Amino acid sequence: MNEYTSSVLLNGLCKKGKTNKAAEILKKLMENGLTPTEVLFNTILSGYCKEGNMEKAYSTIDEMESSGVKPSCITFNTMITKFCELGMMDEAKEWLRKMLEKPVSPNVQTYNILIDGYGRKREFTRCFEILEEMEDNGLKPNVVTYGSLINSLCKDGRLLDADVVLNDMISRGVKPNAQVYNTLIDGHCMRGTMSNAFVCFEKMVESDIETTLVTYNTLLNGLCKKGMIKEAEDLVVHILLKGLNPDVITYNSLMSAYSDAGDTGKCFQMYEKMKTSGIKPTMNTIHPLIRVCKKEKSELVLIDKIVQEMAEMDLSPDRMVYNELIHCYVLHGEVLMMSISLKKY
C-alpha cells in the first residue's frame, strides 16, 4: 500500500470517528516498511482533535517527531484550532510559542484561527495586536481575517468598530465578500438600526457584490421586528423582481410581523401561500399563527385547525407551542377542547 492509498484509508476512518483504528493501521503499515509522512500523521492528529481526544493528539505529535517527521504549519494549526474552539486561549498561545520555537513560521491561516478564537472570547485588544503581528511578519490579512473580526465585533454589539474594520479592510485593498456585508447587515438589524443596515446594503450593491436571499431575509427580518410592515412588503416585491424565490425564513418573518400587528387575515393568507408554494412550515411558522389567534375565543377553531395540520405535517409542538395552547384554552375556559386538541400528540 503506497502513501496515497494509505492516506485515503486513514482519512476515511478518521472522518467516521474511528481514529484509534486509523492509528493502529498506520502503526502496522510502518512496521511493514511504509515510510510515514507529515500528511499521514496530520490526518491522525486531525481525527483525534475532532474527537476531542487531546491526550492522543499530543502522543501523535510525539510519535511523529520520534519517527523523524517534522511537525509542519498544518500540524500546529490543527492544535491551535482545537484549543480556540474550546476557548482555551492560553493553550492556543502556548502552541503558537512551540511553533515558533521549532522554528515553524505561522501563516495567514494561523493568525486567522487566533483572531477568531480571541474574537469569540471578546478579547478584541488581542485581536488587533495579532493583526499588527501579521503585518510585522510580512503577512497580509485577507477577507477571512477581517470577516472573522467583523463577525465577533457584531456579535458583541460593537457595530461602530465593525464599520471601522470594514473601511480599513477596503482601504488596504481587501475586497469584502457577501458574507462580510451580510454579517454587518445582520448586526445592525439585531440592534434595530435599520438605516445603517440599508447603508451597508447600498455599499454592497455599489461594490458589485451579489446580494443573496440571505441578505434580503436579514433585512426583512429586521424590518418585521421593528413593525415596519409596509417597508417589509416593498422589500418582498424587490426580492421577486430580482428573480429570487422566498423561502421559509421569508414567510416566517412576514407572518411574525402580521401576528404582532394583530392582522389574523394576512397572517393566515401568508401561511396558505407558503404551503401552496411547496414550502414546508416549521415551528417558527406555527408560533405567530397561535399568537395571533389566542386573543379572541371565536378564533379557537383556527387554532384547532393549526394543531390538526401540525399532526398531519408530523410537526411536534415545542415548549412554546404547548404553553401558548394551554394559555389560550384556559383563557377562554375551553379546558375540554384543550385536552382533545393535545391528545393528537
C-alpha atoms as a PDB file:
ATOM      1  CA  MET A   1       0.000   0.000   0.000  1.00  0.00           C
ATOM      2  CA  ASN A   2       1.506   3.329  -1.059  1.00  0.00           C
ATOM      3  CA  GLU A   3       1.264   6.705   0.675  1.00  0.00           C
ATOM      4  CA  TYR A   4      -1.715   7.907  -1.379  1.00  0.00           C
ATOM      5  CA  THR A   5      -3.802   4.797  -0.742  1.00  0.00           C
ATOM      6  CA  SER A   6      -2.862   4.847   2.941  1.00  0.00           C
ATOM      7  CA  SER A   7      -3.855   8.499   3.215  1.00  0.00           C
ATOM      8  CA  VAL A   8      -7.283   7.845   1.672  1.00  0.00           C
ATOM      9  CA  LEU A   9      -7.883   4.885   4.000  1.00  0.00           C
ATOM     10  CA  LEU A  10      -6.814   6.710   7.165  1.00  0.00           C
ATOM     11  CA  ASN A  11      -8.756   9.846   6.256  1.00  0.00           C
ATOM     12  CA  GLY A  12     -11.913   7.813   5.683  1.00  0.00           C
ATOM     13  CA  LEU A  13     -11.614   6.119   9.078  1.00  0.00           C
ATOM     14  CA  CYS A  14     -10.934   9.413  10.879  1.00  0.00           C
ATOM     15  CA  LYS A  15     -13.972  11.055   9.277  1.00  0.00           C
ATOM     16  CA  LYS A  16     -16.096   8.196  10.630  1.00  0.00           C
ATOM     17  CA  GLY A  17     -14.743   8.793  14.141  1.00  0.00           C
ATOM     18  CA  LYS A  18     -12.523   5.699  14.032  1.00  0.00           C
ATOM     19  CA  THR A  19      -9.207   7.436  14.645  1.00  0.00           C
ATOM     20  CA  ASN A  20      -7.910   4.743  17.014  1.00  0.00           C
ATOM     21  CA  LYS A  21      -8.388   2.192  14.251  1.00  0.00           C
ATOM     22  CA  ALA A  22      -6.642   4.502  11.778  1.00  0.00           C
ATOM     23  CA  ALA A  23      -3.700   4.891  14.187  1.00  0.00           C
ATOM     24  CA  GLU A  24      -3.424   1.102  14.568  1.00  0.00           C
ATOM     25  CA  ILE A  25      -3.357   0.663  10.791  1.00  0.00           C
ATOM     26  CA  LEU A  26      -0.688   3.350  10.407  1.00  0.00           C
ATOM     27  CA  LYS A  27       1.432   1.595  13.031  1.00  0.00           C
ATOM     28  CA  LYS A  28       1.140  -1.746  11.187  1.00  0.00           C
ATOM     29  CA  LEU A  29       1.925  -0.109   7.845  1.00  0.00           C
ATOM     30  CA  MET A  30       5.060   1.411   9.351  1.00  0.00           C
ATOM     31  CA  GLU A  31       6.087  -1.971  10.749  1.00  0.00           C
ATOM     32  CA  ASN A  32       5.683  -3.396   7.237  1.00  0.00           C
ATOM     33  CA  GLY A  33       8.042  -0.823   5.774  1.00  0.00           C
ATOM     34  CA  LEU A  34       5.878   2.188   4.914  1.00  0.00           C
ATOM     35  CA  THR A  35       7.766   5.442   5.408  1.00  0.00           C
ATOM     36  CA  PRO A  36       5.428   7.727   7.394  1.00  0.00           C
ATOM     37  CA  THR A  37       4.857  11.264   6.130  1.00  0.00           C
ATOM     38  CA  GLU A  38       3.646  14.512   7.561  1.00  0.00           C
ATOM     39  CA  VAL A  39       0.320  14.052   5.736  1.00  0.00           C
ATOM     40  CA  LEU A  40      -0.357  10.671   7.370  1.00  0.00           C
ATOM     41  CA  PHE A  41       0.426  11.891  10.881  1.00  0.00           C
ATOM     42  CA  ASN A  42      -1.562  15.095  10.377  1.00  0.00           C
ATOM     43  CA  THR A  43      -4.567  13.007   9.304  1.00  0.00           C
ATOM     44  CA  ILE A  44      -4.439  11.070  12.589  1.00  0.00           C
ATOM     45  CA  LEU A  45      -3.853  14.270  14.559  1.00  0.00           C
ATOM     46  CA  SER A  46      -6.864  15.964  12.951  1.00  0.00           C
ATOM     47  CA  GLY A  47      -9.004  12.928  13.737  1.00  0.00           C
ATOM     48  CA  TYR A  48      -8.106  12.975  17.429  1.00  0.00           C
ATOM     49  CA  CYS A  49      -8.662  16.738  17.643  1.00  0.00           C
ATOM     50  CA  LYS A  50     -12.129  16.412  16.084  1.00  0.00           C
ATOM     51  CA  GLU A  51     -12.953  13.702  18.618  1.00  0.00           C
ATOM     52  CA  GLY A  52     -11.647  15.903  21.439  1.00  0.00           C
ATOM     53  CA  ASN A  53      -9.043  13.323  22.459  1.00  0.00           C
ATOM     54  CA  MET A  54      -6.224  15.737  23.158  1.00  0.00           C
ATOM     55  CA  GLU A  55      -4.118  13.205  25.063  1.00  0.00           C
ATOM     56  CA  LYS A  56      -3.906  11.070  21.917  1.00  0.00           C
ATOM     57  CA  ALA A  57      -3.306  14.206  19.844  1.00  0.00           C
ATOM     58  CA  TYR A  58      -0.250  15.022  21.995  1.00  0.00           C
ATOM     59  CA  SER A  59       1.069  11.450  21.683  1.00  0.00           C
ATOM     60  CA  THR A  60       0.587  11.560  17.891  1.00  0.00           C
ATOM     61  CA  ILE A  61       2.901  14.564  17.649  1.00  0.00           C
ATOM     62  CA  ASP A  62       5.434  12.756  19.873  1.00  0.00           C
ATOM     63  CA  GLU A  63       5.302   9.695  17.583  1.00  0.00           C
ATOM     64  CA  MET A  64       5.607  11.973  14.583  1.00  0.00           C
ATOM     65  CA  GLU A  65       8.843  13.505  15.865  1.00  0.00           C
ATOM     66  CA  SER A  66      10.275  10.187  17.090  1.00  0.00           C
ATOM     67  CA  SER A  67       9.721   8.824  13.557  1.00  0.00           C
ATOM     68  CA  GLY A  68      11.838  11.618  12.139  1.00  0.00           C
ATOM     69  CA  VAL A  69       8.913  13.569  10.679  1.00  0.00           C
ATOM     70  CA  LYS A  70       8.950  17.280  11.490  1.00  0.00           C
ATOM     71  CA  PRO A  71       5.633  18.889  12.527  1.00  0.00           C
ATOM     72  CA  SER A  72       4.504  21.402   9.924  1.00  0.00           C
ATOM     73  CA  CYS A  73       2.442  24.556   9.962  1.00  0.00           C
ATOM     74  CA  ILE A  74      -0.638  22.360   9.387  1.00  0.00           C
ATOM     75  CA  THR A  75       0.259  20.306  12.479  1.00  0.00           C
ATOM     76  CA  PHE A  76       0.394  23.348  14.723  1.00  0.00           C
ATOM     77  CA  ASN A  77      -2.641  24.976  13.108  1.00  0.00           C
ATOM     78  CA  THR A  78      -4.656  21.841  13.876  1.00  0.00           C
ATOM     79  CA  MET A  79      -3.775  22.044  17.576  1.00  0.00           C
ATOM     80  CA  ILE A  80      -4.304  25.811  17.759  1.00  0.00           C
ATOM     81  CA  THR A  81      -7.703  25.459  16.024  1.00  0.00           C
ATOM     82  CA  LYS A  82      -8.903  22.894  18.556  1.00  0.00           C
ATOM     83  CA  PHE A  83      -7.902  24.955  21.579  1.00  0.00           C
ATOM     84  CA  CYS A  84      -9.501  28.062  20.072  1.00  0.00           C
ATOM     85  CA  GLU A  85     -12.727  26.095  19.520  1.00  0.00           C
ATOM     86  CA  LEU A  86     -12.596  25.053  23.189  1.00  0.00           C
ATOM     87  CA  GLY A  87     -11.993  28.669  24.245  1.00  0.00           C
ATOM     88  CA  MET A  88      -8.659  27.643  25.807  1.00  0.00           C
ATOM     89  CA  MET A  89      -6.675  30.590  24.527  1.00  0.00           C
ATOM     90  CA  ASP A  90      -3.728  30.152  26.920  1.00  0.00           C
ATOM     91  CA  GLU A  91      -3.174  26.686  25.434  1.00  0.00           C
ATOM     92  CA  ALA A  92      -3.555  28.079  21.907  1.00  0.00           C
ATOM     93  CA  LYS A  93      -0.954  30.719  22.741  1.00  0.00           C
ATOM     94  CA  GLU A  94       1.360  28.028  24.119  1.00  0.00           C
ATOM     95  CA  TRP A  95       1.148  26.063  20.867  1.00  0.00           C
ATOM     96  CA  LEU A  96       1.967  29.225  18.928  1.00  0.00           C
ATOM     97  CA  ARG A  97       5.062  29.562  21.151  1.00  0.00           C
ATOM     98  CA  LYS A  98       6.037  25.927  20.461  1.00  0.00           C
ATOM     99  CA  MET A  99       5.511  26.549  16.765  1.00  0.00           C
ATOM    100  CA  LEU A 100       7.927  29.484  16.773  1.00  0.00           C
ATOM    101  CA  GLU A 101      10.477  27.504  18.806  1.00  0.00           C
ATOM    102  CA  LYS A 102      10.749  24.669  16.220  1.00  0.00           C
ATOM    103  CA  PRO A 103      11.005  27.013  14.223  1.00  0.00           C
ATOM    104  CA  VAL A 104       7.901  26.808  12.049  1.00  0.00           C
ATOM    105  CA  SER A 105       6.623  30.091  10.625  1.00  0.00           C
ATOM    106  CA  PRO A 106       2.929  30.844  11.225  1.00  0.00           C
ATOM    107  CA  ASN A 107       0.945  31.500   8.061  1.00  0.00           C
ATOM    108  CA  VAL A 108      -2.146  33.639   7.412  1.00  0.00           C
ATOM    109  CA  GLN A 109      -4.395  30.761   8.484  1.00  0.00           C
ATOM    110  CA  THR A 110      -2.596  30.531  11.838  1.00  0.00           C
ATOM    111  CA  TYR A 111      -3.348  34.163  12.585  1.00  0.00           C
ATOM    112  CA  ASN A 112      -6.917  33.860  11.273  1.00  0.00           C
ATOM    113  CA  ILE A 113      -7.546  30.978  13.673  1.00  0.00           C
ATOM    114  CA  LEU A 114      -6.215  33.015  16.594  1.00  0.00           C
ATOM    115  CA  ILE A 115      -8.225  36.120  15.681  1.00  0.00           C
ATOM    116  CA  ASP A 116     -11.373  34.006  15.534  1.00  0.00           C
ATOM    117  CA  GLY A 117     -10.543  32.396  18.883  1.00  0.00           C
ATOM    118  CA  TYR A 118      -9.818  35.672  20.686  1.00  0.00           C
ATOM    119  CA  GLY A 119     -12.846  37.241  18.995  1.00  0.00           C
ATOM    120  CA  ARG A 120     -15.126  34.549  20.419  1.00  0.00           C
ATOM    121  CA  LYS A 121     -13.726  35.369  23.856  1.00  0.00           C
ATOM    122  CA  ARG A 122     -14.338  39.084  23.185  1.00  0.00           C
ATOM    123  CA  GLU A 123     -10.619  39.808  23.656  1.00  0.00           C
ATOM    124  CA  PHE A 124     -10.555  42.417  20.914  1.00  0.00           C
ATOM    125  CA  THR A 125      -7.365  44.144  22.026  1.00  0.00           C
ATOM    126  CA  ARG A 126      -5.548  40.881  21.395  1.00  0.00           C
ATOM    127  CA  CYS A 127      -7.269  40.548  18.007  1.00  0.00           C
ATOM    128  CA  PHE A 128      -5.931  43.895  16.874  1.00  0.00           C
ATOM    129  CA  GLU A 129      -2.477  43.032  18.233  1.00  0.00           C
ATOM    130  CA  ILE A 130      -2.480  39.872  16.098  1.00  0.00           C
ATOM    131  CA  LEU A 131      -3.379  41.953  13.035  1.00  0.00           C
ATOM    132  CA  GLU A 132      -0.264  44.039  13.688  1.00  0.00           C
ATOM    133  CA  GLU A 133       1.857  40.920  14.252  1.00  0.00           C
ATOM    134  CA  MET A 134       0.730  39.566  10.891  1.00  0.00           C
ATOM    135  CA  GLU A 135       1.843  42.660   9.056  1.00  0.00           C
ATOM    136  CA  ASP A 136       5.096  42.869  11.045  1.00  0.00           C
ATOM    137  CA  ASN A 137       5.832  39.320   9.855  1.00  0.00           C
ATOM    138  CA  GLY A 138       5.154  40.269   6.235  1.00  0.00           C
ATOM    139  CA  LEU A 139       1.754  38.570   6.024  1.00  0.00           C
ATOM    140  CA  LYS A 140      -1.229  40.355   4.515  1.00  0.00           C
ATOM    141  CA  PRO A 141      -4.601  39.911   6.281  1.00  0.00           C
ATOM    142  CA  ASN A 142      -7.229  38.523   3.896  1.00  0.00           C
ATOM    143  CA  VAL A 143     -11.015  38.581   3.686  1.00  0.00           C
ATOM    144  CA  VAL A 144     -11.231  35.718   6.222  1.00  0.00           C
ATOM    145  CA  THR A 145      -9.106  37.683   8.703  1.00  0.00           C
ATOM    146  CA  TYR A 146     -11.304  40.768   8.545  1.00  0.00           C
ATOM    147  CA  GLY A 147     -14.533  38.804   8.202  1.00  0.00           C
ATOM    148  CA  SER A 148     -13.840  36.844  11.385  1.00  0.00           C
ATOM    149  CA  LEU A 149     -13.069  40.023  13.339  1.00  0.00           C
ATOM    150  CA  ILE A 150     -16.138  41.831  11.992  1.00  0.00           C
ATOM    151  CA  ASN A 151     -18.324  38.851  12.896  1.00  0.00           C
ATOM    152  CA  SER A 152     -17.083  38.829  16.506  1.00  0.00           C
ATOM    153  CA  LEU A 153     -17.469  42.604  16.855  1.00  0.00           C
ATOM    154  CA  CYS A 154     -21.043  42.448  15.520  1.00  0.00           C
ATOM    155  CA  LYS A 155     -21.969  39.649  17.914  1.00  0.00           C
ATOM    156  CA  ASP A 156     -20.701  41.806  20.771  1.00  0.00           C
ATOM    157  CA  GLY A 157     -22.739  44.774  19.539  1.00  0.00           C
ATOM    158  CA  ARG A 158     -19.641  46.799  18.656  1.00  0.00           C
ATOM    159  CA  LEU A 159     -21.006  47.907  15.309  1.00  0.00           C
ATOM    160  CA  LEU A 160     -19.060  51.153  15.102  1.00  0.00           C
ATOM    161  CA  ASP A 161     -15.812  49.204  15.499  1.00  0.00           C
ATOM    162  CA  ALA A 162     -17.025  46.703  12.898  1.00  0.00           C
ATOM    163  CA  ASP A 163     -17.683  49.534  10.433  1.00  0.00           C
ATOM    164  CA  VAL A 164     -14.190  50.924  11.104  1.00  0.00           C
ATOM    165  CA  VAL A 165     -12.672  47.498  10.384  1.00  0.00           C
ATOM    166  CA  LEU A 166     -14.677  47.313   7.145  1.00  0.00           C
ATOM    167  CA  ASN A 167     -13.361  50.682   5.997  1.00  0.00           C
ATOM    168  CA  ASP A 168      -9.797  49.717   6.984  1.00  0.00           C
ATOM    169  CA  MET A 169     -10.188  46.473   5.059  1.00  0.00           C
ATOM    170  CA  ILE A 170     -11.278  48.299   1.909  1.00  0.00           C
ATOM    171  CA  SER A 171      -8.516  50.923   2.233  1.00  0.00           C
ATOM    172  CA  ARG A 172      -5.939  48.115   2.329  1.00  0.00           C
ATOM    173  CA  GLY A 173      -7.222  46.663  -0.913  1.00  0.00           C
ATOM    174  CA  VAL A 174      -9.040  43.670   0.558  1.00  0.00           C
ATOM    175  CA  LYS A 175     -12.477  43.388  -1.037  1.00  0.00           C
ATOM    176  CA  PRO A 176     -15.295  42.357   1.328  1.00  0.00           C
ATOM    177  CA  ASN A 177     -17.437  39.450   0.161  1.00  0.00           C
ATOM    178  CA  ALA A 178     -21.178  38.858   0.573  1.00  0.00           C
ATOM    179  CA  GLN A 179     -20.672  37.115   3.903  1.00  0.00           C
ATOM    180  CA  VAL A 180     -18.900  40.136   5.404  1.00  0.00           C
ATOM    181  CA  TYR A 181     -21.671  42.521   4.318  1.00  0.00           C
ATOM    182  CA  ASN A 182     -24.393  40.089   5.429  1.00  0.00           C
ATOM    183  CA  THR A 183     -22.735  39.915   8.859  1.00  0.00           C
ATOM    184  CA  LEU A 184     -22.729  43.707   9.185  1.00  0.00           C
ATOM    185  CA  ILE A 185     -26.310  43.985   7.948  1.00  0.00           C
ATOM    186  CA  ASP A 186     -27.398  41.358  10.476  1.00  0.00           C
ATOM    187  CA  GLY A 187     -25.561  43.194  13.254  1.00  0.00           C
ATOM    188  CA  HIS A 188     -27.403  46.439  12.529  1.00  0.00           C
ATOM    189  CA  CYS A 189     -30.739  44.624  12.138  1.00  0.00           C
ATOM    190  CA  MET A 190     -30.270  42.926  15.507  1.00  0.00           C
ATOM    191  CA  ARG A 191     -29.737  46.344  17.082  1.00  0.00           C
ATOM    192  CA  GLY A 192     -32.731  47.767  15.223  1.00  0.00           C
ATOM    193  CA  THR A 193     -30.629  50.363  13.377  1.00  0.00           C
ATOM    194  CA  MET A 194     -32.282  49.723  10.023  1.00  0.00           C
ATOM    195  CA  SER A 195     -30.978  52.890   8.362  1.00  0.00           C
ATOM    196  CA  ASN A 196     -27.411  51.689   8.980  1.00  0.00           C
ATOM    197  CA  ALA A 197     -28.326  48.212   7.739  1.00  0.00           C
ATOM    198  CA  PHE A 198     -29.512  49.709   4.448  1.00  0.00           C
ATOM    199  CA  VAL A 199     -26.347  51.823   4.200  1.00  0.00           C
ATOM    200  CA  CYS A 200     -24.377  48.540   4.307  1.00  0.00           C
ATOM    201  CA  PHE A 201     -26.745  47.100   1.723  1.00  0.00           C
ATOM    202  CA  GLU A 202     -26.142  50.064  -0.617  1.00  0.00           C
ATOM    203  CA  LYS A 203     -22.368  49.701  -0.176  1.00  0.00           C
ATOM    204  CA  MET A 204     -22.731  46.052  -1.090  1.00  0.00           C
ATOM    205  CA  VAL A 205     -24.628  46.881  -4.271  1.00  0.00           C
ATOM    206  CA  GLU A 206     -22.210  49.685  -5.221  1.00  0.00           C
ATOM    207  CA  SER A 207     -19.300  47.245  -4.805  1.00  0.00           C
ATOM    208  CA  ASP A 208     -20.893  44.875  -7.348  1.00  0.00           C
ATOM    209  CA  ILE A 209     -21.210  42.141  -4.741  1.00  0.00           C
ATOM    210  CA  GLU A 210     -24.119  39.800  -5.402  1.00  0.00           C
ATOM    211  CA  THR A 211     -26.939  40.271  -2.920  1.00  0.00           C
ATOM    212  CA  THR A 212     -28.466  36.917  -1.992  1.00  0.00           C
ATOM    213  CA  LEU A 213     -31.691  35.729  -0.402  1.00  0.00           C
ATOM    214  CA  VAL A 214     -29.767  35.649   2.888  1.00  0.00           C
ATOM    215  CA  THR A 215     -29.131  39.384   2.507  1.00  0.00           C
ATOM    216  CA  TYR A 216     -32.791  40.170   1.834  1.00  0.00           C
ATOM    217  CA  ASN A 217     -34.100  37.846   4.543  1.00  0.00           C
ATOM    218  CA  THR A 218     -31.821  39.530   7.074  1.00  0.00           C
ATOM    219  CA  LEU A 219     -33.159  42.972   6.131  1.00  0.00           C
ATOM    220  CA  LEU A 220     -36.724  41.666   6.023  1.00  0.00           C
ATOM    221  CA  ASN A 221     -36.472  40.147   9.489  1.00  0.00           C
ATOM    222  CA  GLY A 222     -35.070  43.414  10.830  1.00  0.00           C
ATOM    223  CA  LEU A 223     -37.938  45.427   9.322  1.00  0.00           C
ATOM    224  CA  CYS A 224     -40.533  42.970  10.619  1.00  0.00           C
ATOM    225  CA  LYS A 225     -39.150  43.076  14.156  1.00  0.00           C
ATOM    226  CA  LYS A 226     -39.410  46.863  14.055  1.00  0.00           C
ATOM    227  CA  GLY A 227     -43.026  46.622  12.891  1.00  0.00           C
ATOM    228  CA  MET A 228     -42.158  48.283   9.576  1.00  0.00           C
ATOM    229  CA  ILE A 229     -44.625  46.144   7.623  1.00  0.00           C
ATOM    230  CA  LYS A 230     -45.046  48.420   4.597  1.00  0.00           C
ATOM    231  CA  GLU A 231     -41.278  48.555   4.079  1.00  0.00           C
ATOM    232  CA  ALA A 232     -41.093  44.771   4.542  1.00  0.00           C
ATOM    233  CA  GLU A 233     -43.777  44.217   1.889  1.00  0.00           C
ATOM    234  CA  ASP A 234     -41.926  46.540  -0.504  1.00  0.00           C
ATOM    235  CA  LEU A 235     -38.742  44.558   0.077  1.00  0.00           C
ATOM    236  CA  VAL A 236     -40.549  41.305  -0.802  1.00  0.00           C
ATOM    237  CA  VAL A 237     -41.556  42.872  -4.137  1.00  0.00           C
ATOM    238  CA  HIS A 238     -37.872  43.713  -4.681  1.00  0.00           C
ATOM    239  CA  ILE A 239     -36.929  40.100  -3.887  1.00  0.00           C
ATOM    240  CA  LEU A 240     -39.363  38.819  -6.508  1.00  0.00           C
ATOM    241  CA  LEU A 241     -38.235  41.363  -9.125  1.00  0.00           C
ATOM    242  CA  LYS A 242     -34.670  40.205  -8.587  1.00  0.00           C
ATOM    243  CA  GLY A 243     -35.779  36.697  -9.533  1.00  0.00           C
ATOM    244  CA  LEU A 244     -35.281  35.189  -6.072  1.00  0.00           C
ATOM    245  CA  ASN A 245     -37.794  32.776  -4.558  1.00  0.00           C
ATOM    246  CA  PRO A 246     -38.918  33.489  -0.983  1.00  0.00           C
ATOM    247  CA  ASP A 247     -38.121  30.638   1.408  1.00  0.00           C
ATOM    248  CA  VAL A 248     -39.424  29.539   4.805  1.00  0.00           C
ATOM    249  CA  ILE A 249     -37.477  32.327   6.551  1.00  0.00           C
ATOM    250  CA  THR A 250     -39.052  34.967   4.302  1.00  0.00           C
ATOM    251  CA  TYR A 251     -42.570  33.741   5.059  1.00  0.00           C
ATOM    252  CA  ASN A 252     -41.942  33.254   8.785  1.00  0.00           C
ATOM    253  CA  SER A 253     -40.635  36.812   9.146  1.00  0.00           C
ATOM    254  CA  LEU A 254     -43.709  38.290   7.447  1.00  0.00           C
ATOM    255  CA  MET A 255     -46.110  36.103   9.414  1.00  0.00           C
ATOM    256  CA  SER A 256     -44.456  37.141  12.677  1.00  0.00           C
ATOM    257  CA  ALA A 257     -44.893  40.809  11.744  1.00  0.00           C
ATOM    258  CA  TYR A 258     -48.572  40.337  10.829  1.00  0.00           C
ATOM    259  CA  SER A 259     -49.101  38.393  14.043  1.00  0.00           C
ATOM    260  CA  ASP A 260     -47.542  41.137  16.183  1.00  0.00           C
ATOM    261  CA  ALA A 261     -49.767  43.660  14.402  1.00  0.00           C
ATOM    262  CA  GLY A 262     -52.847  41.522  15.167  1.00  0.00           C
ATOM    263  CA  ASP A 263     -53.624  41.013  11.474  1.00  0.00           C
ATOM    264  CA  THR A 264     -55.050  37.470  11.533  1.00  0.00           C
ATOM    265  CA  GLY A 265     -56.189  37.614   7.905  1.00  0.00           C
ATOM    266  CA  LYS A 266     -52.796  38.465   6.418  1.00  0.00           C
ATOM    267  CA  CYS A 267     -51.029  36.060   8.752  1.00  0.00           C
ATOM    268  CA  PHE A 268     -53.128  33.124   7.529  1.00  0.00           C
ATOM    269  CA  GLN A 269     -53.032  34.365   3.944  1.00  0.00           C
ATOM    270  CA  MET A 270     -49.244  34.172   4.086  1.00  0.00           C
ATOM    271  CA  TYR A 271     -49.452  30.718   5.697  1.00  0.00           C
ATOM    272  CA  GLU A 272     -51.645  29.383   2.874  1.00  0.00           C
ATOM    273  CA  LYS A 273     -49.428  30.983   0.216  1.00  0.00           C
ATOM    274  CA  MET A 274     -46.418  29.370   1.806  1.00  0.00           C
ATOM    275  CA  LYS A 275     -47.988  25.902   1.610  1.00  0.00           C
ATOM    276  CA  THR A 276     -49.154  26.321  -1.991  1.00  0.00           C
ATOM    277  CA  SER A 277     -45.587  27.362  -2.885  1.00  0.00           C
ATOM    278  CA  GLY A 278     -44.415  23.943  -1.708  1.00  0.00           C
ATOM    279  CA  ILE A 279     -42.574  25.266   1.352  1.00  0.00           C
ATOM    280  CA  LYS A 280     -42.919  23.120   4.459  1.00  0.00           C
ATOM    281  CA  PRO A 281     -43.830  25.090   7.605  1.00  0.00           C
ATOM    282  CA  THR A 282     -41.605  24.885  10.685  1.00  0.00           C
ATOM    283  CA  MET A 283     -42.269  25.549  14.365  1.00  0.00           C
ATOM    284  CA  ASN A 284     -41.327  29.181  13.716  1.00  0.00           C
ATOM    285  CA  THR A 285     -44.274  29.244  11.305  1.00  0.00           C
ATOM    286  CA  ILE A 286     -46.658  27.913  13.936  1.00  0.00           C
ATOM    287  CA  HIS A 287     -45.701  30.333  16.725  1.00  0.00           C
ATOM    288  CA  PRO A 288     -47.095  33.516  15.083  1.00  0.00           C
ATOM    289  CA  LEU A 289     -50.258  31.702  13.968  1.00  0.00           C
ATOM    290  CA  ILE A 290     -51.120  30.683  17.521  1.00  0.00           C
ATOM    291  CA  ARG A 291     -50.150  34.080  18.929  1.00  0.00           C
ATOM    292  CA  VAL A 292     -52.454  35.951  16.581  1.00  0.00           C
ATOM    293  CA  CYS A 293     -55.393  33.623  17.275  1.00  0.00           C
ATOM    294  CA  LYS A 294     -55.313  33.331  21.038  1.00  0.00           C
ATOM    295  CA  LYS A 295     -56.828  36.720  21.846  1.00  0.00           C
ATOM    296  CA  GLU A 296     -60.322  36.001  20.518  1.00  0.00           C
ATOM    297  CA  LYS A 297     -62.432  32.979  21.516  1.00  0.00           C
ATOM    298  CA  SER A 298     -64.029  32.964  18.067  1.00  0.00           C
ATOM    299  CA  GLU A 299     -60.656  32.064  16.596  1.00  0.00           C
ATOM    300  CA  LEU A 300     -60.200  28.872  18.626  1.00  0.00           C
ATOM    301  CA  VAL A 301     -61.438  26.970  15.589  1.00  0.00           C
ATOM    302  CA  LEU A 302     -58.390  28.270  13.693  1.00  0.00           C
ATOM    303  CA  ILE A 303     -56.098  27.089  16.467  1.00  0.00           C
ATOM    304  CA  ASP A 304     -57.691  23.637  16.318  1.00  0.00           C
ATOM    305  CA  LYS A 305     -57.057  23.643  12.564  1.00  0.00           C
ATOM    306  CA  ILE A 306     -53.400  24.541  13.118  1.00  0.00           C
ATOM    307  CA  VAL A 307     -52.966  21.725  15.647  1.00  0.00           C
ATOM    308  CA  GLN A 308     -54.575  19.277  13.221  1.00  0.00           C
ATOM    309  CA  GLU A 309     -52.289  20.387  10.380  1.00  0.00           C
ATOM    310  CA  MET A 310     -49.240  20.143  12.630  1.00  0.00           C
ATOM    311  CA  ALA A 311     -50.081  16.495  13.260  1.00  0.00           C
ATOM    312  CA  GLU A 312     -50.566  15.896   9.529  1.00  0.00           C
ATOM    313  CA  MET A 313     -47.212  17.526   8.745  1.00  0.00           C
ATOM    314  CA  ASP A 314     -45.513  15.499  11.513  1.00  0.00           C
ATOM    315  CA  LEU A 315     -44.529  18.673  13.378  1.00  0.00           C
ATOM    316  CA  SER A 316     -44.088  18.026  17.093  1.00  0.00           C
ATOM    317  CA  PRO A 317     -45.042  21.001  19.313  1.00  0.00           C
ATOM    318  CA  ASP A 318     -42.195  22.602  21.229  1.00  0.00           C
ATOM    319  CA  ARG A 319     -42.494  24.029  24.726  1.00  0.00           C
ATOM    320  CA  MET A 320     -43.521  27.455  23.418  1.00  0.00           C
ATOM    321  CA  VAL A 321     -46.409  26.000  21.412  1.00  0.00           C
ATOM    322  CA  TYR A 322     -47.604  23.906  24.358  1.00  0.00           C
ATOM    323  CA  ASN A 323     -47.504  26.926  26.650  1.00  0.00           C
ATOM    324  CA  GLU A 324     -49.343  29.130  24.145  1.00  0.00           C
ATOM    325  CA  LEU A 325     -52.023  26.472  23.570  1.00  0.00           C
ATOM    326  CA  ILE A 326     -52.586  25.863  27.273  1.00  0.00           C
ATOM    327  CA  HIS A 327     -52.754  29.595  27.974  1.00  0.00           C
ATOM    328  CA  CYS A 328     -55.185  30.133  25.109  1.00  0.00           C
ATOM    329  CA  TYR A 329     -57.611  27.355  26.007  1.00  0.00           C
ATOM    330  CA  VAL A 330     -57.559  28.175  29.728  1.00  0.00           C
ATOM    331  CA  LEU A 331     -58.032  31.899  28.991  1.00  0.00           C
ATOM    332  CA  HIS A 332     -61.260  31.138  27.150  1.00  0.00           C
ATOM    333  CA  GLY A 333     -62.437  28.417  29.529  1.00  0.00           C
ATOM    334  CA  GLU A 334     -62.080  25.623  26.997  1.00  0.00           C
ATOM    335  CA  VAL A 335     -60.214  23.035  29.070  1.00  0.00           C
ATOM    336  CA  LEU A 336     -62.076  20.132  27.444  1.00  0.00           C
ATOM    337  CA  MET A 337     -61.144  21.376  23.959  1.00  0.00           C
ATOM    338  CA  MET A 338     -57.545  21.675  25.150  1.00  0.00           C
ATOM    339  CA  SER A 339     -57.413  18.043  26.292  1.00  0.00           C
ATOM    340  CA  ILE A 340     -58.935  16.870  22.982  1.00  0.00           C
ATOM    341  CA  SER A 341     -56.544  19.008  20.946  1.00  0.00           C
ATOM    342  CA  LEU A 342     -53.409  17.956  22.791  1.00  0.00           C
ATOM    343  CA  LYS A 343     -54.369  14.259  22.617  1.00  0.00           C
ATOM    344  CA  LYS A 344     -53.383  14.422  18.945  1.00  0.00           C
ATOM    345  CA  TYR A 345     -49.822  14.242  20.262  1.00  0.00           C
END
